[in-house]
Amino acid sequence: MKNSAVFLITFTTVVLFTVVVFSVLNLPFGWVCTLTFLGEILLIISVYRILKDDYNTHKTFEDFYEDHPISENYR
């Protein structure tokens, strides 16, 4: 995944976390609503950018997880 996609995900997470903090602090509805709409738009853009990312791999489901390989008695 490209660094721009990682930055976009991080920024989207910060914006949506800010919505939660603002709503707990009872800030005006206009701010919370605006940040919510901005967060939803950023989320859609993030998903689109990640799905359209030119990423190739040679791994298959037979490779399972790299950090926890399956031993032969489980197959």
Protein backbone atom coordinates (compact mmCIF):
# COMPACT_ATOMS: atom_id res chain seq x y z
CA MET A 1 0.00 0.00 0.00
CA LYS A 2 1.29 3.42 -0.87
CA ASN A 3 2.22 5.95 1.81
CA SER A 4 -0.49 8.32 0.60
CA ALA A 5 -3.14 5.69 1.37
CA VAL A 6 -1.70 5.13 4.86
CA PHE A 7 -1.71 8.88 5.48
CA LEU A 8 -5.33 9.11 4.31
CA ILE A 9 -6.39 6.29 6.64
CA THR A 10 -4.58 7.93 9.55
CA PHE A 11 -6.14 11.32 8.82
CA THR A 12 -9.62 9.77 8.50
CA THR A 13 -9.17 7.99 11.83
CA VAL A 14 -8.12 11.22 13.54
CA VAL A 15 -11.11 13.11 12.11
CA LEU A 16 -13.59 10.43 13.20
CA PHE A 17 -11.99 10.18 16.64
CA THR A 18 -12.31 13.97 16.92
CA VAL A 19 -16.05 13.60 16.22
CA VAL A 20 -16.34 11.28 19.21
CA VAL A 21 -14.39 13.65 21.46
CA PHE A 22 -16.42 16.65 20.31
CA SER A 23 -19.70 14.87 20.95
CA VAL A 24 -18.62 13.82 24.45
CA LEU A 25 -17.57 17.39 25.23
CA ASN A 26 -21.00 18.67 24.06
CA LEU A 27 -19.58 21.04 21.47
CA PRO A 28 -22.09 22.74 19.15
CA PHE A 29 -23.99 20.45 16.83
CA GLY A 30 -22.73 22.27 13.74
CA TRP A 31 -19.12 21.28 14.44
CA VAL A 32 -19.99 17.67 15.18
CA CYS A 33 -22.22 17.37 12.12
CA THR A 34 -19.64 18.98 9.82
CA LEU A 35 -16.86 16.69 11.04
CA THR A 36 -19.15 13.67 10.70
CA PHE A 37 -19.89 14.49 7.05
CA LEU A 38 -16.21 15.17 6.40
CA GLY A 39 -15.30 11.85 8.05
CA GLU A 40 -17.82 9.94 5.96
CA ILE A 41 -16.49 11.47 2.75
CA LEU A 42 -12.90 10.74 3.79
CA LEU A 43 -13.85 7.15 4.61
CA ILE A 44 -15.36 6.61 1.16
CA ILE A 45 -12.31 8.16 -0.50
CA SER A 46 -9.99 5.99 1.61
CA VAL A 47 -11.80 2.79 0.69
CA TYR A 48 -11.78 3.75 -3.00
CA ARG A 49 -8.05 4.57 -2.98
CA ILE A 50 -7.16 1.32 -1.21
CA LEU A 51 -9.27 -0.82 -3.52
CA LYS A 52 -7.87 0.90 -6.62
CA ASP A 53 -4.26 0.65 -5.35
CA ASP A 54 -1.95 -1.17 -7.77
CA TYR A 55 -0.78 -3.88 -5.35
CA ASN A 56 0.33 -7.32 -6.46
CA THR A 57 1.27 -10.33 -4.39
CA HIS A 58 2.32 -13.88 -5.09
CA LYS A 59 0.78 -15.23 -1.91
CA THR A 60 -2.22 -17.54 -1.92
CA PHE A 61 -4.48 -18.92 0.77
CA GLU A 62 -2.17 -21.92 0.92
CA ASP A 63 0.49 -19.64 2.46
CA PHE A 64 -1.86 -18.89 5.39
CA TYR A 65 -0.43 -16.40 7.88
CA GLU A 66 3.27 -15.59 7.85
CA ASP A 67 3.45 -14.98 11.58
CA HIS A 68 1.67 -18.20 12.57
CA PRO A 69 2.17 -21.03 10.07
CA ILE A 70 -0.11 -24.02 10.17
CA SER A 71 1.57 -27.28 11.01
CA GLU A 72 0.77 -30.29 8.88
CA ASN A 73 -1.46 -31.98 11.50
CA TYR A 74 -4.06 -29.19 11.13
CA ARG A 75 -4.48 -29.54 7.37
